[in-house]
């Protein structure tokens, strides 16, 4: 897969008392990039939920390397590291426009039934869209 990039502006609400991005907000930025990646492939998460499936984070590993600050323009990447029957593992970075990496994460998402919360296979049309990138 080619790397998907999503732009993010740091708002005041994203920062902590020290004026830098609060650590949990990097995960929010990464979530937005994964959502927009699916949207670019033609899949809206509300429509998928109406079809009985949702994607849930199963595991998140993140390294914080450089602080991002209020009003900075950032790029958030999403690239599939591995794919299984019910899960996708993404490599993600939050970078300054200069390319400097602020944080790096490995996020595993699992496709689950939105009623039972049990794993279910990723729909074939999603897997085909990913493969055709």
N, C-alpha and C. Protein backbone atom coordinates (compact mmCIF):
# COMPACT_ATOMS: atom_id res chain seq x y z
N UNK A 1 0.84 -1.19 0.00
CA UNK A 1 0.00 0.00 0.00
C UNK A 1 0.87 1.24 0.00
N UNK A 2 0.42 2.19 -0.72
CA UNK A 2 1.10 3.47 -0.66
C UNK A 2 0.67 4.18 0.62
N UNK A 3 1.48 5.09 1.03
CA UNK A 3 1.21 5.83 2.27
C UNK A 3 0.10 6.85 2.04
N UNK A 4 -0.89 6.83 2.90
CA UNK A 4 -1.96 7.81 2.87
C UNK A 4 -1.58 8.93 3.84
N UNK A 5 -1.80 10.19 3.44
CA UNK A 5 -1.49 11.33 4.30
C UNK A 5 -2.74 12.16 4.53
N UNK A 6 -2.92 12.61 5.77
CA UNK A 6 -4.05 13.46 6.13
C UNK A 6 -3.51 14.68 6.88
N UNK A 7 -3.86 15.91 6.43
CA UNK A 7 -3.38 17.10 7.12
C UNK A 7 -4.15 17.38 8.41
N UNK A 8 -3.45 17.85 9.42
CA UNK A 8 -4.05 18.20 10.71
C UNK A 8 -3.43 19.51 11.18
N UNK A 9 -4.26 20.41 11.65
CA UNK A 9 -3.79 21.66 12.28
C UNK A 9 -3.94 21.47 13.78
N UNK A 10 -2.93 21.86 14.55
CA UNK A 10 -3.01 21.76 16.02
C UNK A 10 -3.78 22.96 16.54
N UNK A 11 -4.90 22.68 17.18
CA UNK A 11 -5.71 23.72 17.82
C UNK A 11 -5.34 23.84 19.29
N UNK A 12 -5.72 24.94 19.87
CA UNK A 12 -5.45 25.17 21.29
C UNK A 12 -5.99 24.02 22.14
N UNK A 13 -7.17 23.52 21.79
CA UNK A 13 -7.79 22.43 22.55
C UNK A 13 -6.99 21.13 22.50
N UNK A 14 -6.07 21.01 21.53
CA UNK A 14 -5.24 19.81 21.40
C UNK A 14 -4.03 19.82 22.34
N UNK A 15 -3.76 20.99 22.96
CA UNK A 15 -2.53 21.13 23.74
C UNK A 15 -2.77 20.98 25.23
N UNK A 16 -1.68 20.74 25.94
CA UNK A 16 -1.74 20.62 27.40
C UNK A 16 -1.26 21.93 28.04
N UNK A 17 -1.08 21.91 29.34
CA UNK A 17 -0.66 23.12 30.06
C UNK A 17 0.71 23.63 29.62
N UNK A 18 1.52 22.74 29.04
CA UNK A 18 2.85 23.14 28.56
C UNK A 18 2.84 23.70 27.15
N UNK A 19 1.66 23.73 26.51
CA UNK A 19 1.57 24.28 25.17
C UNK A 19 1.93 23.32 24.05
N UNK A 20 2.05 22.04 24.40
CA UNK A 20 2.34 21.03 23.38
C UNK A 20 1.14 20.09 23.24
N UNK A 21 1.10 19.35 22.16
CA UNK A 21 -0.01 18.42 21.94
C UNK A 21 -0.04 17.41 23.08
N UNK A 22 -1.22 17.29 23.70
CA UNK A 22 -1.45 16.32 24.77
C UNK A 22 -1.26 14.92 24.18
N UNK A 23 -0.59 14.05 24.90
CA UNK A 23 -0.16 12.77 24.35
C UNK A 23 -1.29 11.94 23.74
N UNK A 24 -2.47 11.93 24.34
CA UNK A 24 -3.58 11.13 23.81
C UNK A 24 -4.10 11.66 22.49
N UNK A 25 -3.87 12.93 22.21
CA UNK A 25 -4.39 13.52 20.98
C UNK A 25 -3.65 13.03 19.74
N UNK A 26 -2.43 12.54 19.90
CA UNK A 26 -1.75 11.94 18.75
C UNK A 26 -2.55 10.72 18.27
N UNK A 27 -3.12 9.96 19.22
CA UNK A 27 -3.95 8.82 18.85
C UNK A 27 -5.21 9.27 18.12
N UNK A 28 -5.77 10.41 18.52
CA UNK A 28 -6.93 10.96 17.82
C UNK A 28 -6.57 11.36 16.39
N UNK A 29 -5.41 11.96 16.23
CA UNK A 29 -4.96 12.34 14.89
C UNK A 29 -4.81 11.09 14.01
N UNK A 30 -4.26 10.03 14.59
CA UNK A 30 -4.07 8.79 13.84
C UNK A 30 -5.42 8.16 13.48
N UNK A 31 -6.37 8.23 14.39
CA UNK A 31 -7.72 7.72 14.13
C UNK A 31 -8.35 8.46 12.94
N UNK A 32 -8.19 9.77 12.91
CA UNK A 32 -8.74 10.55 11.79
C UNK A 32 -8.13 10.11 10.47
N UNK A 33 -6.83 9.88 10.46
CA UNK A 33 -6.16 9.47 9.22
C UNK A 33 -6.66 8.11 8.75
N UNK A 34 -6.86 7.16 9.67
CA UNK A 34 -7.38 5.85 9.28
C UNK A 34 -8.81 5.97 8.74
N UNK A 35 -9.62 6.81 9.39
CA UNK A 35 -11.00 7.03 8.93
C UNK A 35 -11.02 7.64 7.54
N UNK A 36 -10.16 8.63 7.31
CA UNK A 36 -10.11 9.28 6.01
C UNK A 36 -9.54 8.36 4.93
N UNK A 37 -8.64 7.48 5.34
CA UNK A 37 -8.11 6.47 4.41
C UNK A 37 -9.26 5.57 3.93
N UNK A 38 -10.06 5.08 4.85
CA UNK A 38 -11.21 4.25 4.47
C UNK A 38 -12.18 5.04 3.59
N UNK A 39 -12.40 6.29 3.95
CA UNK A 39 -13.30 7.14 3.16
C UNK A 39 -12.77 7.29 1.72
N UNK A 40 -11.45 7.49 1.59
CA UNK A 40 -10.88 7.62 0.25
C UNK A 40 -11.04 6.34 -0.56
N UNK A 41 -11.06 5.20 0.12
CA UNK A 41 -11.28 3.93 -0.57
C UNK A 41 -12.75 3.73 -0.93
N UNK A 42 -13.63 4.60 -0.39
CA UNK A 42 -15.05 4.51 -0.70
C UNK A 42 -15.91 3.91 0.40
N UNK A 43 -15.38 3.84 1.61
CA UNK A 43 -16.10 3.20 2.72
C UNK A 43 -16.29 4.19 3.87
N UNK A 44 -17.56 4.47 4.15
CA UNK A 44 -17.92 5.35 5.27
C UNK A 44 -18.22 4.49 6.49
N UNK A 45 -17.68 4.88 7.63
CA UNK A 45 -17.83 4.04 8.81
C UNK A 45 -19.28 3.95 9.30
N UNK A 46 -20.08 5.02 9.11
CA UNK A 46 -21.48 4.92 9.51
C UNK A 46 -22.25 3.95 8.63
N UNK A 47 -21.90 3.89 7.35
CA UNK A 47 -22.54 2.93 6.44
C UNK A 47 -22.13 1.51 6.82
N UNK A 48 -20.86 1.31 7.11
CA UNK A 48 -20.39 -0.01 7.53
C UNK A 48 -21.10 -0.45 8.81
N UNK A 49 -21.28 0.49 9.76
CA UNK A 49 -21.98 0.16 11.00
C UNK A 49 -23.42 -0.24 10.70
N UNK A 50 -24.05 0.41 9.73
CA UNK A 50 -25.40 0.04 9.32
C UNK A 50 -25.46 -1.34 8.70
N UNK A 51 -24.32 -1.82 8.22
CA UNK A 51 -24.22 -3.17 7.65
C UNK A 51 -23.79 -4.19 8.72
N UNK A 52 -23.68 -3.71 9.97
CA UNK A 52 -23.40 -4.63 11.06
C UNK A 52 -21.94 -4.78 11.45
N UNK A 53 -21.05 -3.91 10.94
CA UNK A 53 -19.66 -4.06 11.34
C UNK A 53 -19.03 -2.72 11.69
N UNK A 54 -18.09 -2.81 12.58
CA UNK A 54 -17.29 -1.65 12.95
C UNK A 54 -15.84 -2.10 13.09
N UNK A 55 -14.95 -1.12 13.03
CA UNK A 55 -13.54 -1.38 13.28
C UNK A 55 -13.21 -0.83 14.66
N UNK A 56 -12.55 -1.65 15.46
CA UNK A 56 -12.18 -1.24 16.82
C UNK A 56 -10.68 -1.42 16.99
N UNK A 57 -10.07 -0.51 17.73
CA UNK A 57 -8.65 -0.63 18.02
C UNK A 57 -8.44 -1.78 19.00
N UNK A 58 -7.59 -2.69 18.61
CA UNK A 58 -7.26 -3.85 19.45
C UNK A 58 -5.95 -3.62 20.22
N UNK A 59 -5.04 -2.92 19.55
CA UNK A 59 -3.72 -2.67 20.16
C UNK A 59 -3.16 -1.38 19.61
N UNK A 60 -2.54 -0.61 20.47
CA UNK A 60 -1.88 0.63 20.06
C UNK A 60 -0.53 0.72 20.75
N UNK A 61 0.49 0.94 19.95
CA UNK A 61 1.85 1.15 20.46
C UNK A 61 2.33 2.46 19.86
N UNK A 62 2.75 3.39 20.70
CA UNK A 62 3.11 4.71 20.19
C UNK A 62 4.39 5.21 20.85
N UNK A 63 5.22 5.84 20.05
CA UNK A 63 6.44 6.48 20.53
C UNK A 63 6.29 7.98 20.31
N UNK A 64 6.65 8.74 21.32
CA UNK A 64 6.60 10.20 21.25
C UNK A 64 8.03 10.69 21.07
N UNK A 65 8.30 11.35 19.96
CA UNK A 65 9.67 11.70 19.62
C UNK A 65 9.98 13.19 19.74
N UNK A 66 9.08 14.03 19.24
CA UNK A 66 9.25 15.49 19.28
C UNK A 66 7.89 16.11 19.59
N UNK A 67 7.85 17.16 20.38
CA UNK A 67 6.55 17.78 20.68
C UNK A 67 6.02 18.61 19.51
N UNK A 68 4.74 18.43 19.22
CA UNK A 68 4.06 19.31 18.28
C UNK A 68 3.40 20.40 19.11
N UNK A 69 3.29 21.60 18.55
CA UNK A 69 2.80 22.75 19.30
C UNK A 69 1.60 23.41 18.63
N UNK A 70 0.94 24.25 19.42
CA UNK A 70 -0.22 24.99 18.97
C UNK A 70 0.01 25.64 17.61
N UNK A 71 -0.96 25.50 16.74
CA UNK A 71 -1.03 26.11 15.42
C UNK A 71 -0.10 25.49 14.38
N UNK A 72 0.60 24.44 14.72
CA UNK A 72 1.44 23.78 13.72
C UNK A 72 0.57 23.02 12.74
N UNK A 73 1.06 22.94 11.52
CA UNK A 73 0.45 22.14 10.49
C UNK A 73 1.19 20.80 10.46
N UNK A 74 0.42 19.72 10.56
CA UNK A 74 1.01 18.39 10.61
C UNK A 74 0.45 17.52 9.50
N UNK A 75 1.16 16.47 9.19
CA UNK A 75 0.71 15.43 8.26
C UNK A 75 0.66 14.12 9.05
N UNK A 76 -0.45 13.41 8.94
CA UNK A 76 -0.59 12.13 9.63
C UNK A 76 -0.65 11.04 8.57
N UNK A 77 0.24 10.08 8.68
CA UNK A 77 0.30 9.00 7.69
C UNK A 77 -0.45 7.77 8.18
N UNK A 78 -0.84 6.95 7.22
CA UNK A 78 -1.44 5.65 7.51
C UNK A 78 -1.01 4.71 6.39
N UNK A 79 -0.34 3.64 6.77
CA UNK A 79 0.09 2.62 5.81
C UNK A 79 -0.14 1.26 6.44
N UNK A 80 -0.71 0.36 5.68
CA UNK A 80 -0.98 -0.98 6.21
C UNK A 80 0.32 -1.76 6.29
N UNK A 81 0.62 -2.21 7.49
CA UNK A 81 1.81 -3.02 7.74
C UNK A 81 1.52 -4.49 7.48
N UNK A 82 0.33 -4.94 7.96
CA UNK A 82 -0.07 -6.33 7.73
C UNK A 82 -1.58 -6.43 7.71
N UNK A 83 -2.04 -7.49 7.08
CA UNK A 83 -3.47 -7.71 6.90
C UNK A 83 -3.77 -9.16 7.20
N UNK A 84 -4.82 -9.39 7.98
CA UNK A 84 -5.27 -10.74 8.28
C UNK A 84 -6.77 -10.82 8.00
N UNK A 85 -7.35 -11.95 8.27
CA UNK A 85 -8.77 -12.17 7.97
C UNK A 85 -9.68 -11.17 8.66
N UNK A 86 -9.39 -10.83 9.91
CA UNK A 86 -10.27 -9.93 10.67
C UNK A 86 -9.57 -8.66 11.14
N UNK A 87 -8.30 -8.47 10.76
CA UNK A 87 -7.58 -7.31 11.28
C UNK A 87 -6.66 -6.67 10.25
N UNK A 88 -6.39 -5.40 10.51
CA UNK A 88 -5.41 -4.63 9.76
C UNK A 88 -4.47 -3.98 10.77
N UNK A 89 -3.18 -4.03 10.50
CA UNK A 89 -2.22 -3.34 11.35
C UNK A 89 -1.61 -2.21 10.54
N UNK A 90 -1.73 -1.00 11.11
CA UNK A 90 -1.25 0.21 10.44
C UNK A 90 0.04 0.69 11.07
N UNK A 91 0.95 1.17 10.24
CA UNK A 91 2.09 1.98 10.68
C UNK A 91 1.66 3.42 10.46
N UNK A 92 1.81 4.24 11.49
CA UNK A 92 1.39 5.64 11.36
C UNK A 92 2.42 6.57 11.96
N UNK A 93 2.51 7.76 11.36
CA UNK A 93 3.37 8.81 11.88
C UNK A 93 2.63 10.13 11.87
N UNK A 94 2.97 10.97 12.84
CA UNK A 94 2.52 12.35 12.85
C UNK A 94 3.79 13.17 12.61
N UNK A 95 3.78 13.94 11.51
CA UNK A 95 4.97 14.68 11.10
C UNK A 95 4.67 16.15 10.91
N UNK A 96 5.71 16.93 11.12
CA UNK A 96 5.63 18.34 10.72
C UNK A 96 5.68 18.39 9.20
N UNK A 97 5.27 19.51 8.63
CA UNK A 97 5.34 19.66 7.18
C UNK A 97 6.76 19.51 6.66
N UNK A 98 7.74 19.77 7.52
CA UNK A 98 9.16 19.61 7.15
C UNK A 98 9.56 18.14 7.04
N UNK A 99 8.70 17.23 7.52
CA UNK A 99 9.02 15.80 7.51
C UNK A 99 9.50 15.28 8.84
N UNK A 100 9.79 16.18 9.79
CA UNK A 100 10.25 15.75 11.11
C UNK A 100 9.14 14.97 11.82
N UNK A 101 9.47 13.79 12.32
CA UNK A 101 8.47 12.92 12.96
C UNK A 101 8.29 13.31 14.42
N UNK A 102 7.04 13.58 14.78
CA UNK A 102 6.70 13.91 16.17
C UNK A 102 6.32 12.65 16.95
N UNK A 103 5.57 11.76 16.32
CA UNK A 103 5.21 10.50 16.96
C UNK A 103 5.05 9.42 15.90
N UNK A 104 5.21 8.19 16.36
CA UNK A 104 5.14 7.03 15.47
C UNK A 104 4.33 5.96 16.20
N UNK A 105 3.42 5.31 15.48
CA UNK A 105 2.60 4.29 16.12
C UNK A 105 2.35 3.08 15.24
N UNK A 106 2.09 1.98 15.91
CA UNK A 106 1.62 0.75 15.28
C UNK A 106 0.25 0.49 15.89
N UNK A 107 -0.79 0.52 15.05
CA UNK A 107 -2.16 0.41 15.51
C UNK A 107 -2.81 -0.79 14.82
N UNK A 108 -3.32 -1.73 15.61
CA UNK A 108 -4.03 -2.89 15.07
C UNK A 108 -5.52 -2.67 15.27
N UNK A 109 -6.26 -2.71 14.16
CA UNK A 109 -7.72 -2.60 14.25
C UNK A 109 -8.33 -3.94 13.86
N UNK A 110 -9.46 -4.24 14.49
CA UNK A 110 -10.15 -5.51 14.26
C UNK A 110 -11.55 -5.21 13.77
N UNK A 111 -11.99 -5.96 12.80
CA UNK A 111 -13.36 -5.86 12.30
C UNK A 111 -14.24 -6.70 13.22
N UNK A 112 -15.29 -6.06 13.77
CA UNK A 112 -16.17 -6.78 14.69
C UNK A 112 -17.63 -6.54 14.33
N UNK A 113 -18.46 -7.47 14.75
CA UNK A 113 -19.91 -7.34 14.62
C UNK A 113 -20.35 -6.28 15.61
N UNK A 114 -21.15 -5.31 15.16
CA UNK A 114 -21.49 -4.20 16.05
C UNK A 114 -22.58 -4.54 17.06
N UNK A 115 -23.10 -5.76 17.04
CA UNK A 115 -24.07 -6.19 18.05
C UNK A 115 -23.43 -7.12 19.08
N UNK A 116 -22.64 -8.08 18.59
CA UNK A 116 -22.03 -9.07 19.49
C UNK A 116 -20.63 -8.68 19.94
N UNK A 117 -20.01 -7.76 19.21
CA UNK A 117 -18.62 -7.34 19.44
C UNK A 117 -17.64 -8.49 19.29
N UNK A 118 -18.01 -9.48 18.50
CA UNK A 118 -17.12 -10.59 18.18
C UNK A 118 -16.47 -10.32 16.82
N UNK A 119 -15.24 -10.81 16.65
CA UNK A 119 -14.55 -10.60 15.38
C UNK A 119 -15.34 -11.18 14.20
N UNK A 120 -15.27 -10.48 13.08
CA UNK A 120 -15.88 -10.98 11.86
C UNK A 120 -14.95 -10.63 10.71
N UNK A 121 -14.97 -11.42 9.64
CA UNK A 121 -14.05 -11.17 8.52
C UNK A 121 -14.25 -9.79 7.91
N UNK A 122 -13.14 -9.19 7.53
CA UNK A 122 -13.19 -7.91 6.82
C UNK A 122 -13.87 -8.18 5.48
N UNK A 123 -14.87 -7.36 5.12
CA UNK A 123 -15.57 -7.59 3.85
C UNK A 123 -14.62 -7.63 2.66
N UNK A 124 -14.94 -8.52 1.75
CA UNK A 124 -14.11 -8.73 0.56
C UNK A 124 -13.92 -7.45 -0.25
N UNK A 125 -14.96 -6.61 -0.33
CA UNK A 125 -14.84 -5.37 -1.11
C UNK A 125 -13.82 -4.41 -0.50
N UNK A 126 -13.68 -4.43 0.80
CA UNK A 126 -12.65 -3.59 1.45
C UNK A 126 -11.27 -4.15 1.15
N UNK A 127 -11.12 -5.47 1.26
CA UNK A 127 -9.84 -6.09 0.98
C UNK A 127 -9.43 -5.86 -0.47
N UNK A 128 -10.39 -5.92 -1.41
CA UNK A 128 -10.09 -5.67 -2.81
C UNK A 128 -9.65 -4.22 -3.03
N UNK A 129 -10.34 -3.28 -2.38
CA UNK A 129 -9.97 -1.86 -2.51
C UNK A 129 -8.57 -1.61 -1.99
N UNK A 130 -8.22 -2.24 -0.88
CA UNK A 130 -6.87 -2.10 -0.32
C UNK A 130 -5.85 -2.67 -1.30
N UNK A 131 -6.14 -3.84 -1.86
CA UNK A 131 -5.20 -4.50 -2.77
C UNK A 131 -4.99 -3.71 -4.06
N UNK A 132 -6.01 -2.95 -4.47
CA UNK A 132 -5.93 -2.20 -5.73
C UNK A 132 -5.29 -0.84 -5.61
N UNK A 133 -4.83 -0.48 -4.43
CA UNK A 133 -4.22 0.83 -4.26
C UNK A 133 -2.93 0.95 -5.01
